[in-house]
Each structure stands twice: as C-alpha cells, then as structure tokens.
PDB file of N, CA and C in Angstrom:
ATOM      1  N   MET A   1       2.408  34.063  49.465  1.00  0.00           N
ATOM      2  CA  MET A   1       2.770  33.659  48.117  1.00  0.00           C
ATOM      3  C   MET A   1       1.628  33.803  47.140  1.00  0.00           C
ATOM      4  N   LYS A   2       1.960  34.271  45.897  1.00  0.00           N
ATOM      5  CA  LYS A   2       1.077  34.391  44.853  1.00  0.00           C
ATOM      6  C   LYS A   2       0.598  33.036  44.263  1.00  0.00           C
ATOM      7  N   LYS A   3      -0.617  32.963  43.737  1.00  0.00           N
ATOM      8  CA  LYS A   3      -0.931  31.715  43.089  1.00  0.00           C
ATOM      9  C   LYS A   3      -0.827  31.746  41.592  1.00  0.00           C
ATOM     10  N   ALA A   4      -0.165  30.790  41.055  1.00  0.00           N
ATOM     11  CA  ALA A   4      -0.024  30.593  39.567  1.00  0.00           C
ATOM     12  C   ALA A   4      -1.301  30.485  38.881  1.00  0.00           C
ATOM     13  N   MET A   5      -1.451  31.115  37.700  1.00  0.00           N
ATOM     14  CA  MET A   5      -2.655  31.044  36.939  1.00  0.00           C
ATOM     15  C   MET A   5      -2.721  29.654  36.304  1.00  0.00           C
ATOM     16  N   ASN A   6      -3.936  29.127  35.943  1.00  0.00           N
ATOM     17  CA  ASN A   6      -4.088  27.907  35.327  1.00  0.00           C
ATOM     18  C   ASN A   6      -3.987  28.086  33.784  1.00  0.00           C
ATOM     19  N   ALA A   7      -3.971  26.997  33.082  1.00  0.00           N
ATOM     20  CA  ALA A   7      -3.796  27.074  31.656  1.00  0.00           C
ATOM     21  C   ALA A   7      -4.801  27.904  30.875  1.00  0.00           C
ATOM     22  N   ALA A   8      -6.066  27.729  31.341  1.00  0.00           N
ATOM     23  CA  ALA A   8      -7.168  28.496  30.770  1.00  0.00           C
ATOM     24  C   ALA A   8      -7.095  30.007  30.947  1.00  0.00           C
ATOM     25  N   GLU A   9      -6.639  30.407  32.063  1.00  0.00           N
ATOM     26  CA  GLU A   9      -6.334  31.772  32.425  1.00  0.00           C
ATOM     27  C   GLU A   9      -5.253  32.477  31.677  1.00  0.00           C
ATOM     28  N   ILE A  10      -4.167  31.609  31.459  1.00  0.00           N
ATOM     29  CA  ILE A  10      -3.043  32.036  30.636  1.00  0.00           C
ATOM     30  C   ILE A  10      -3.511  32.140  29.253  1.00  0.00           C
ATOM     31  N   GLU A  11      -4.332  31.222  28.754  1.00  0.00           N
ATOM     32  CA  GLU A  11      -4.738  31.314  27.369  1.00  0.00           C
ATOM     33  C   GLU A  11      -5.558  32.501  27.167  1.00  0.00           C
ATOM     34  N   ASP A  12      -6.486  32.955  28.044  1.00  0.00           N
ATOM     35  CA  ASP A  12      -7.127  34.169  27.999  1.00  0.00           C
ATOM     36  C   ASP A  12      -6.272  35.417  27.874  1.00  0.00           C
ATOM     37  N   VAL A  13      -5.170  35.365  28.676  1.00  0.00           N
ATOM     38  CA  VAL A  13      -4.207  36.543  28.594  1.00  0.00           C
ATOM     39  C   VAL A  13      -3.590  36.473  27.172  1.00  0.00           C
ATOM     40  N   LEU A  14      -3.160  35.444  26.649  1.00  0.00           N
ATOM     41  CA  LEU A  14      -2.602  35.362  25.295  1.00  0.00           C
ATOM     42  C   LEU A  14      -3.526  35.796  24.169  1.00  0.00           C
ATOM     43  N   LYS A  15      -4.923  35.499  24.408  1.00  0.00           N
ATOM     44  CA  LYS A  15      -5.868  35.949  23.414  1.00  0.00           C
ATOM     45  C   LYS A  15      -6.039  37.468  23.556  1.00  0.00           C
ATOM     46  N   ALA A  16      -6.015  38.000  24.630  1.00  0.00           N
ATOM     47  CA  ALA A  16      -6.210  39.435  24.853  1.00  0.00           C
ATOM     48  C   ALA A  16      -4.976  40.260  24.443  1.00  0.00           C
ATOM     49  N   HIS A  17      -3.783  39.539  24.438  1.00  0.00           N
ATOM     50  CA  HIS A  17      -2.548  40.265  24.076  1.00  0.00           C
ATOM     51  C   HIS A  17      -1.730  39.313  23.127  1.00  0.00           C
ATOM     52  N   PRO A  18      -2.124  39.200  21.889  1.00  0.00           N
ATOM     53  CA  PRO A  18      -1.442  38.131  20.968  1.00  0.00           C
ATOM     54  C   PRO A  18      -0.016  38.479  20.641  1.00  0.00           C
ATOM     55  N   GLU A  19       0.422  39.638  21.001  1.00  0.00           N
ATOM     56  CA  GLU A  19       1.786  39.976  20.867  1.00  0.00           C
ATOM     57  C   GLU A  19       2.733  39.294  21.864  1.00  0.00           C
ATOM     58  N   TRP A  20       2.096  38.676  22.851  1.00  0.00           N
ATOM     59  CA  TRP A  20       2.880  37.915  23.766  1.00  0.00           C
ATOM     60  C   TRP A  20       2.617  36.422  23.433  1.00  0.00           C
ATOM     61  N   HIS A  21       3.612  35.531  23.856  1.00  0.00           N
ATOM     62  CA  HIS A  21       3.466  34.155  23.673  1.00  0.00           C
ATOM     63  C   HIS A  21       4.030  33.426  24.894  1.00  0.00           C
ATOM     64  N   LEU A  22       3.864  32.189  25.010  1.00  0.00           N
ATOM     65  CA  LEU A  22       4.295  31.392  26.149  1.00  0.00           C
ATOM     66  C   LEU A  22       5.619  30.593  25.693  1.00  0.00           C
ATOM     67  N   LYS A  23       6.610  30.800  26.446  1.00  0.00           N
ATOM     68  CA  LYS A  23       7.880  30.131  26.167  1.00  0.00           C
ATOM     69  C   LYS A  23       8.570  29.835  27.512  1.00  0.00           C
ATOM     70  N   GLY A  24       8.927  28.562  27.698  1.00  0.00           N
ATOM     71  CA  GLY A  24       9.610  28.275  28.886  1.00  0.00           C
ATOM     72  C   GLY A  24       8.944  28.557  30.144  1.00  0.00           C
ATOM     73  N   GLY A  25       7.614  28.516  30.135  1.00  0.00           N
ATOM     74  CA  GLY A  25       6.860  28.845  31.393  1.00  0.00           C
ATOM     75  C   GLY A  25       6.685  30.246  31.662  1.00  0.00           C
ATOM     76  N   LYS A  26       7.118  31.150  30.676  1.00  0.00           N
ATOM     77  CA  LYS A  26       6.944  32.628  30.819  1.00  0.00           C
ATOM     78  C   LYS A  26       6.068  33.203  29.758  1.00  0.00           C
ATOM     79  N   LEU A  27       5.507  34.347  30.078  1.00  0.00           N
ATOM     80  CA  LEU A  27       4.951  35.212  28.998  1.00  0.00           C
ATOM     81  C   LEU A  27       6.146  35.984  28.417  1.00  0.00           C
ATOM     82  N   VAL A  28       6.209  35.847  27.172  1.00  0.00           N
ATOM     83  CA  VAL A  28       7.486  36.435  26.438  1.00  0.00           C
ATOM     84  C   VAL A  28       6.983  37.298  25.225  1.00  0.00           C
ATOM     85  N   ARG A  29       7.714  38.460  25.034  1.00  0.00           N
ATOM     86  CA  ARG A  29       7.523  39.352  23.913  1.00  0.00           C
ATOM     87  C   ARG A  29       8.878  39.819  23.424  1.00  0.00           C
ATOM     88  N   GLU A  30       8.995  39.937  22.045  1.00  0.00           N
ATOM     89  CA  GLU A  30      10.250  40.436  21.570  1.00  0.00           C
ATOM     90  C   GLU A  30       9.964  41.868  20.787  1.00  0.00           C
ATOM     91  N   TRP A  31      10.901  42.610  20.896  1.00  0.00           N
ATOM     92  CA  TRP A  31      11.056  43.869  20.205  1.00  0.00           C
ATOM     93  C   TRP A  31      12.255  44.087  19.352  1.00  0.00           C
ATOM     94  N   THR A  32      12.356  44.629  18.233  1.00  0.00           N
ATOM     95  CA  THR A  32      13.395  44.813  17.450  1.00  0.00           C
ATOM     96  C   THR A  32      13.527  46.432  17.097  1.00  0.00           C
ATOM     97  N   PHE A  33      14.723  47.017  17.345  1.00  0.00           N
ATOM     98  CA  PHE A  33      14.902  48.393  17.198  1.00  0.00           C
ATOM     99  C   PHE A  33      15.971  48.655  16.105  1.00  0.00           C
ATOM    100  N   LYS A  34      16.124  50.042  15.810  1.00  0.00           N
ATOM    101  CA  LYS A  34      17.033  50.360  14.876  1.00  0.00           C
ATOM    102  C   LYS A  34      18.461  50.010  15.146  1.00  0.00           C
ATOM    103  N   ASP A  35      18.807  50.210  16.406  1.00  0.00           N
ATOM    104  CA  ASP A  35      20.177  49.904  16.842  1.00  0.00           C
ATOM    105  C   ASP A  35      20.221  49.703  18.403  1.00  0.00           C
ATOM    106  N   PHE A  36      21.394  49.472  18.924  1.00  0.00           N
ATOM    107  CA  PHE A  36      21.647  49.243  20.277  1.00  0.00           C
ATOM    108  C   PHE A  36      21.107  50.348  21.203  1.00  0.00           C
ATOM    109  N   LEU A  37      21.391  51.576  20.756  1.00  0.00           N
ATOM    110  CA  LEU A  37      21.006  52.740  21.639  1.00  0.00           C
ATOM    111  C   LEU A  37      19.496  52.788  21.776  1.00  0.00           C
ATOM    112  N   GLU A  38      18.806  52.526  20.706  1.00  0.00           N
ATOM    113  CA  GLU A  38      17.350  52.437  20.880  1.00  0.00           C
ATOM    114  C   GLU A  38      16.851  51.354  21.685  1.00  0.00           C
ATOM    115  N   ALA A  39      17.513  50.192  21.587  1.00  0.00           N
ATOM    116  CA  ALA A  39      17.122  49.074  22.386  1.00  0.00           C
ATOM    117  C   ALA A  39      17.257  49.406  23.878  1.00  0.00           C
ATOM    118  N   MET A  40      18.486  50.106  24.151  1.00  0.00           N
ATOM    119  CA  MET A  40      18.763  50.397  25.595  1.00  0.00           C
ATOM    120  C   MET A  40      17.781  51.462  26.172  1.00  0.00           C
ATOM    121  N   ALA A  41      17.438  52.409  25.246  1.00  0.00           N
ATOM    122  CA  ALA A  41      16.505  53.408  25.714  1.00  0.00           C
ATOM    123  C   ALA A  41      15.176  52.852  26.085  1.00  0.00           C
ATOM    124  N   PHE A  42      14.652  51.850  25.229  1.00  0.00           N
ATOM    125  CA  PHE A  42      13.461  51.012  25.614  1.00  0.00           C
ATOM    126  C   PHE A  42      13.646  50.295  26.923  1.00  0.00           C
ATOM    127  N   VAL A  43      14.735  49.635  27.200  1.00  0.00           N
ATOM    128  CA  VAL A  43      14.939  48.975  28.377  1.00  0.00           C
ATOM    129  C   VAL A  43      14.887  49.911  29.594  1.00  0.00           C
ATOM    130  N   ASN A  44      15.359  51.095  29.424  1.00  0.00           N
ATOM    131  CA  ASN A  44      15.368  52.014  30.588  1.00  0.00           C
ATOM    132  C   ASN A  44      13.925  52.483  30.768  1.00  0.00           C
ATOM    133  N   ARG A  45      13.124  52.525  29.794  1.00  0.00           N
ATOM    134  CA  ARG A  45      11.670  52.967  29.883  1.00  0.00           C
ATOM    135  C   ARG A  45      10.932  51.831  30.641  1.00  0.00           C
ATOM    136  N   VAL A  46      11.329  50.638  30.241  1.00  0.00           N
ATOM    137  CA  VAL A  46      10.684  49.444  30.894  1.00  0.00           C
ATOM    138  C   VAL A  46      11.074  49.303  32.321  1.00  0.00           C
ATOM    139  N   ALA A  47      12.318  49.721  32.588  1.00  0.00           N
ATOM    140  CA  ALA A  47      12.830  49.663  33.953  1.00  0.00           C
ATOM    141  C   ALA A  47      11.962  50.603  34.975  1.00  0.00           C
ATOM    142  N   VAL A  48      11.673  51.792  34.472  1.00  0.00           N
ATOM    143  CA  VAL A  48      10.904  52.735  35.194  1.00  0.00           C
ATOM    144  C   VAL A  48       9.456  52.167  35.461  1.00  0.00           C
ATOM    145  N   LEU A  49       8.866  51.649  34.450  1.00  0.00           N
ATOM    146  CA  LEU A  49       7.526  51.021  34.638  1.00  0.00           C
ATOM    147  C   LEU A  49       7.579  49.741  35.698  1.00  0.00           C
ATOM    148  N   ALA A  50       8.583  49.008  35.509  1.00  0.00           N
ATOM    149  CA  ALA A  50       8.738  47.818  36.305  1.00  0.00           C
ATOM    150  C   ALA A  50       9.018  48.218  37.750  1.00  0.00           C
ATOM    151  N   GLU A  51       9.853  49.226  38.006  1.00  0.00           N
ATOM    152  CA  GLU A  51      10.080  49.633  39.315  1.00  0.00           C
ATOM    153  C   GLU A  51       8.807  50.265  39.997  1.00  0.00           C
ATOM    154  N   ALA A  52       7.995  50.984  39.227  1.00  0.00           N
ATOM    155  CA  ALA A  52       6.852  51.476  39.756  1.00  0.00           C
ATOM    156  C   ALA A  52       5.844  50.482  40.185  1.00  0.00           C
ATOM    157  N   ALA A  53       5.822  49.365  39.315  1.00  0.00           N
ATOM    158  CA  ALA A  53       4.932  48.335  39.576  1.00  0.00           C
ATOM    159  C   ALA A  53       5.361  47.240  40.620  1.00  0.00           C
ATOM    160  N   GLY A  54       6.705  47.336  41.011  1.00  0.00           N
ATOM    161  CA  GLY A  54       7.320  46.460  41.863  1.00  0.00           C
ATOM    162  C   GLY A  54       7.364  45.099  41.330  1.00  0.00           C
ATOM    163  N   HIS A  55       7.414  44.973  40.047  1.00  0.00           N
ATOM    164  CA  HIS A  55       7.520  43.620  39.362  1.00  0.00           C
ATOM    165  C   HIS A  55       8.407  43.755  38.133  1.00  0.00           C
ATOM    166  N   HIS A  56       9.478  43.012  38.085  1.00  0.00           N
ATOM    167  CA  HIS A  56      10.480  43.115  37.147  1.00  0.00           C
ATOM    168  C   HIS A  56      10.601  42.005  36.138  1.00  0.00           C
ATOM    169  N   PRO A  57      10.600  42.294  34.913  1.00  0.00           N
ATOM    170  CA  PRO A  57      10.708  41.219  33.981  1.00  0.00           C
ATOM    171  C   PRO A  57      12.062  40.733  33.793  1.00  0.00           C
ATOM    172  N   ASP A  58      12.264  39.503  33.235  1.00  0.00           N
ATOM    173  CA  ASP A  58      13.592  39.014  32.707  1.00  0.00           C
ATOM    174  C   ASP A  58      13.857  39.737  31.479  1.00  0.00           C
ATOM    175  N   ILE A  59      14.992  40.311  31.264  1.00  0.00           N
ATOM    176  CA  ILE A  59      15.343  41.080  30.126  1.00  0.00           C
ATOM    177  C   ILE A  59      16.566  40.519  29.410  1.00  0.00           C
ATOM    178  N   ASP A  60      16.436  40.265  28.106  1.00  0.00           N
ATOM    179  CA  ASP A  60      17.495  39.735  27.293  1.00  0.00           C
ATOM    180  C   ASP A  60      17.792  40.694  26.209  1.00  0.00           C
ATOM    181  N   ILE A  61      19.063  41.281  26.133  1.00  0.00           N
ATOM    182  CA  ILE A  61      19.303  42.303  25.116  1.00  0.00           C
ATOM    183  C   ILE A  61      20.361  41.703  24.133  1.00  0.00           C
ATOM    184  N   ARG A  62      20.093  41.673  22.816  1.00  0.00           N
ATOM    185  CA  ARG A  62      21.013  41.214  21.868  1.00  0.00           C
ATOM    186  C   ARG A  62      21.075  42.285  20.769  1.00  0.00           C
ATOM    187  N   TYR A  63      22.051  43.118  20.833  1.00  0.00           N
ATOM    188  CA  TYR A  63      22.200  44.411  19.970  1.00  0.00           C
ATOM    189  C   TYR A  63      21.019  45.154  19.813  1.00  0.00           C
ATOM    190  N   ASN A  64      20.213  44.927  18.792  1.00  0.00           N
ATOM    191  CA  ASN A  64      18.928  45.699  18.524  1.00  0.00           C
ATOM    192  C   ASN A  64      17.741  45.079  18.874  1.00  0.00           C
ATOM    193  N   GLN A  65      17.883  43.913  19.590  1.00  0.00           N
ATOM    194  CA  GLN A  65      16.669  42.987  19.956  1.00  0.00           C
ATOM    195  C   GLN A  65      16.616  42.871  21.420  1.00  0.00           C
ATOM    196  N   VAL A  66      15.309  43.099  21.908  1.00  0.00           N
ATOM    197  CA  VAL A  66      15.088  42.903  23.358  1.00  0.00           C
ATOM    198  C   VAL A  66      13.978  41.917  23.549  1.00  0.00           C
ATOM    199  N   VAL A  67      14.129  41.023  24.460  1.00  0.00           N
ATOM    200  CA  VAL A  67      13.133  40.030  24.844  1.00  0.00           C
ATOM    201  C   VAL A  67      12.874  40.197  26.365  1.00  0.00           C
ATOM    202  N   LEU A  68      11.491  40.418  26.667  1.00  0.00           N
ATOM    203  CA  LEU A  68      11.094  40.367  27.928  1.00  0.00           C
ATOM    204  C   LEU A  68      10.369  39.119  28.307  1.00  0.00           C
ATOM    205  N   GLY A  69      10.583  38.663  29.561  1.00  0.00           N
ATOM    206  CA  GLY A  69       9.901  37.354  29.982  1.00  0.00           C
ATOM    207  C   GLY A  69       9.267  37.719  31.300  1.00  0.00           C
ATOM    208  N   LEU A  70       8.025  37.359  31.498  1.00  0.00           N
ATOM    209  CA  LEU A  70       7.314  37.604  32.811  1.00  0.00           C
ATOM    210  C   LEU A  70       6.936  36.296  33.404  1.00  0.00           C
ATOM    211  N   VAL A  71       7.344  36.119  34.645  1.00  0.00           N
ATOM    212  CA  VAL A  71       6.999  34.910  35.489  1.00  0.00           C
ATOM    213  C   VAL A  71       7.214  35.408  36.923  1.00  0.00           C
ATOM    214  N   SER A  72       6.362  34.816  37.800  1.00  0.00           N
ATOM    215  CA  SER A  72       6.512  35.016  39.272  1.00  0.00           C
ATOM    216  C   SER A  72       7.215  33.906  39.804  1.00  0.00           C
ATOM    217  N   HIS A  73       8.514  34.065  40.171  1.00  0.00           N
ATOM    218  CA  HIS A  73       9.264  33.035  40.690  1.00  0.00           C
ATOM    219  C   HIS A  73       8.781  32.543  42.083  1.00  0.00           C
ATOM    220  N   ASP A  74       8.161  33.439  42.821  1.00  0.00           N
ATOM    221  CA  ASP A  74       7.632  33.077  44.142  1.00  0.00           C
ATOM    222  C   ASP A  74       6.384  32.070  44.079  1.00  0.00           C
ATOM    223  N   ALA A  75       5.735  32.244  42.850  1.00  0.00           N
ATOM    224  CA  ALA A  75       4.544  31.263  42.644  1.00  0.00           C
ATOM    225  C   ALA A  75       4.891  30.074  41.652  1.00  0.00           C
ATOM    226  N   ALA A  76       6.193  30.137  41.207  1.00  0.00           N
ATOM    227  CA  ALA A  76       6.594  29.050  40.260  1.00  0.00           C
ATOM    228  C   ALA A  76       5.766  28.998  39.026  1.00  0.00           C
ATOM    229  N   GLY A  77       5.308  30.143  38.617  1.00  0.00           N
ATOM    230  CA  GLY A  77       4.465  30.228  37.381  1.00  0.00           C
ATOM    231  C   GLY A  77       4.008  31.615  37.060  1.00  0.00           C
ATOM    232  N   ILE A  78       3.155  31.774  36.158  1.00  0.00           N
ATOM    233  CA  ILE A  78       2.619  33.064  35.739  1.00  0.00           C
ATOM    234  C   ILE A  78       1.443  33.302  36.516  1.00  0.00           C
ATOM    235  N   THR A  79       1.504  34.549  37.073  1.00  0.00           N
ATOM    236  CA  THR A  79       0.391  35.058  37.964  1.00  0.00           C
ATOM    237  C   THR A  79      -0.353  36.159  37.331  1.00  0.00           C
ATOM    238  N   HIS A  80      -1.454  36.662  37.995  1.00  0.00           N
ATOM    239  CA  HIS A  80      -2.187  37.723  37.525  1.00  0.00           C
ATOM    240  C   HIS A  80      -1.350  39.053  37.558  1.00  0.00           C
ATOM    241  N   ARG A  81      -0.369  39.062  38.367  1.00  0.00           N
ATOM    242  CA  ARG A  81       0.637  40.174  38.341  1.00  0.00           C
ATOM    243  C   ARG A  81       1.449  40.171  37.085  1.00  0.00           C
ATOM    244  N   ASP A  82       1.831  39.039  36.548  1.00  0.00           N
ATOM    245  CA  ASP A  82       2.501  38.960  35.278  1.00  0.00           C
ATOM    246  C   ASP A  82       1.531  39.469  34.136  1.00  0.00           C
ATOM    247  N   ALA A  83       0.400  38.982  34.103  1.00  0.00           N
ATOM    248  CA  ALA A  83      -0.635  39.324  33.114  1.00  0.00           C
ATOM    249  C   ALA A  83      -0.824  40.866  33.140  1.00  0.00           C
ATOM    250  N   SER A  84      -0.925  41.439  34.368  1.00  0.00           N
ATOM    251  CA  SER A  84      -1.160  42.866  34.471  1.00  0.00           C
ATOM    252  C   SER A  84       0.054  43.619  33.841  1.00  0.00           C
ATOM    253  N   MET A  85       1.315  43.127  34.184  1.00  0.00           N
ATOM    254  CA  MET A  85       2.539  43.751  33.587  1.00  0.00           C
ATOM    255  C   MET A  85       2.610  43.649  32.170  1.00  0.00           C
ATOM    256  N   ALA A  86       2.100  42.504  31.548  1.00  0.00           N
ATOM    257  CA  ALA A  86       2.058  42.344  30.060  1.00  0.00           C
ATOM    258  C   ALA A  86       1.183  43.346  29.369  1.00  0.00           C
ATOM    259  N   ALA A  87      -0.143  43.515  30.126  1.00  0.00           N
ATOM    260  CA  ALA A  87      -1.007  44.477  29.504  1.00  0.00           C
ATOM    261  C   ALA A  87      -0.455  45.875  29.629  1.00  0.00           C
ATOM    262  N   GLN A  88       0.137  46.175  30.691  1.00  0.00           N
ATOM    263  CA  GLN A  88       0.655  47.599  30.847  1.00  0.00           C
ATOM    264  C   GLN A  88       1.747  47.780  29.768  1.00  0.00           C
ATOM    265  N   LEU A  89       2.629  46.795  29.608  1.00  0.00           N
ATOM    266  CA  LEU A  89       3.657  46.958  28.570  1.00  0.00           C
ATOM    267  C   LEU A  89       3.209  47.031  27.142  1.00  0.00           C
ATOM    268  N   SER A  90       2.062  46.290  26.956  1.00  0.00           N
ATOM    269  CA  SER A  90       1.429  46.377  25.595  1.00  0.00           C
ATOM    270  C   SER A  90       0.748  47.658  25.403  1.00  0.00           C
ATOM    271  N   LYS A  91       0.200  48.224  26.405  1.00  0.00           N
ATOM    272  CA  LYS A  91      -0.374  49.587  26.315  1.00  0.00           C
ATOM    273  C   LYS A  91       0.714  50.666  26.103  1.00  0.00           C
ATOM    274  N   GLU A  92       1.830  50.588  26.777  1.00  0.00           N
ATOM    275  CA  GLU A  92       2.881  51.586  26.664  1.00  0.00           C
ATOM    276  C   GLU A  92       3.606  51.363  25.419  1.00  0.00           C
ATOM    277  N   PHE A  93       3.854  50.251  24.929  1.00  0.00           N
ATOM    278  CA  PHE A  93       4.559  49.845  23.662  1.00  0.00           C
ATOM    279  C   PHE A  93       3.747  48.944  22.819  1.00  0.00           C
ATOM    280  N   PRO A  94       2.751  49.526  22.130  1.00  0.00           N
ATOM    281  CA  PRO A  94       1.812  48.688  21.303  1.00  0.00           C
ATOM    282  C   PRO A  94       2.533  48.050  20.156  1.00  0.00           C
ATOM    283  N   PRO A  95       2.020  46.980  19.625  1.00  0.00           N
ATOM    284  CA  PRO A  95       2.631  46.341  18.501  1.00  0.00           C
ATOM    285  C   PRO A  95       2.516  47.271  17.287  1.00  0.00           C
ATOM    286  N   ALA A  96       3.649  47.181  16.504  1.00  0.00           N
ATOM    287  CA  ALA A  96       3.780  48.096  15.280  1.00  0.00           C
ATOM    288  C   ALA A  96       2.734  47.708  14.264  1.00  0.00           C
TER     289      ALA A  96
END
C-alpha cells in the first residue's frame, strides 16, 4: 500500500504547481473550454496519459468545464503518485 503524504509535502506540491488546489482531500484543478467537444477531447488526452501512468484521476465534466481530482484511494490520501500525475498534467496542459 502507498503512503499518504503529510501536510508539509502536500503544501510543497501546491507551491510548485499553484494551478492545483486542495479540495475534499484531493489535488484538484479545473479547466474551461470553448464547448463540450473541446472538453471531451481534453478528457480523452488525459485518459491516454492516465492509462500510461497506471493512475487515473477522478473526472467531472460539466458541458465545457472539466475538473480533475487526484487521490490514492488505497492510501486514503494524496501520495507522491498523485503529485507526479499533477506535475505531468501541468506540463502537458500548462495554465493559460
């Protein structure tokens, strides 16, 4: 089982990637697109990255808005695996 990060480690992740925030015990980031089709194209790109990493975010789609949440359920918290996935997503989809 993976070990959850402590509060200081999570704070370091948030400082390194300020586009992410903590909500409901997850690392969370939102994206807004022109329309539903753009949002779905983004989700499909995320799916490819997630599958390659073997780590899948929670995905919430609301028309042109997508919210990703990262948490390791097997560790009951945020792990280095979540932080790594957040960093990869930030690299692939940098803040506007």
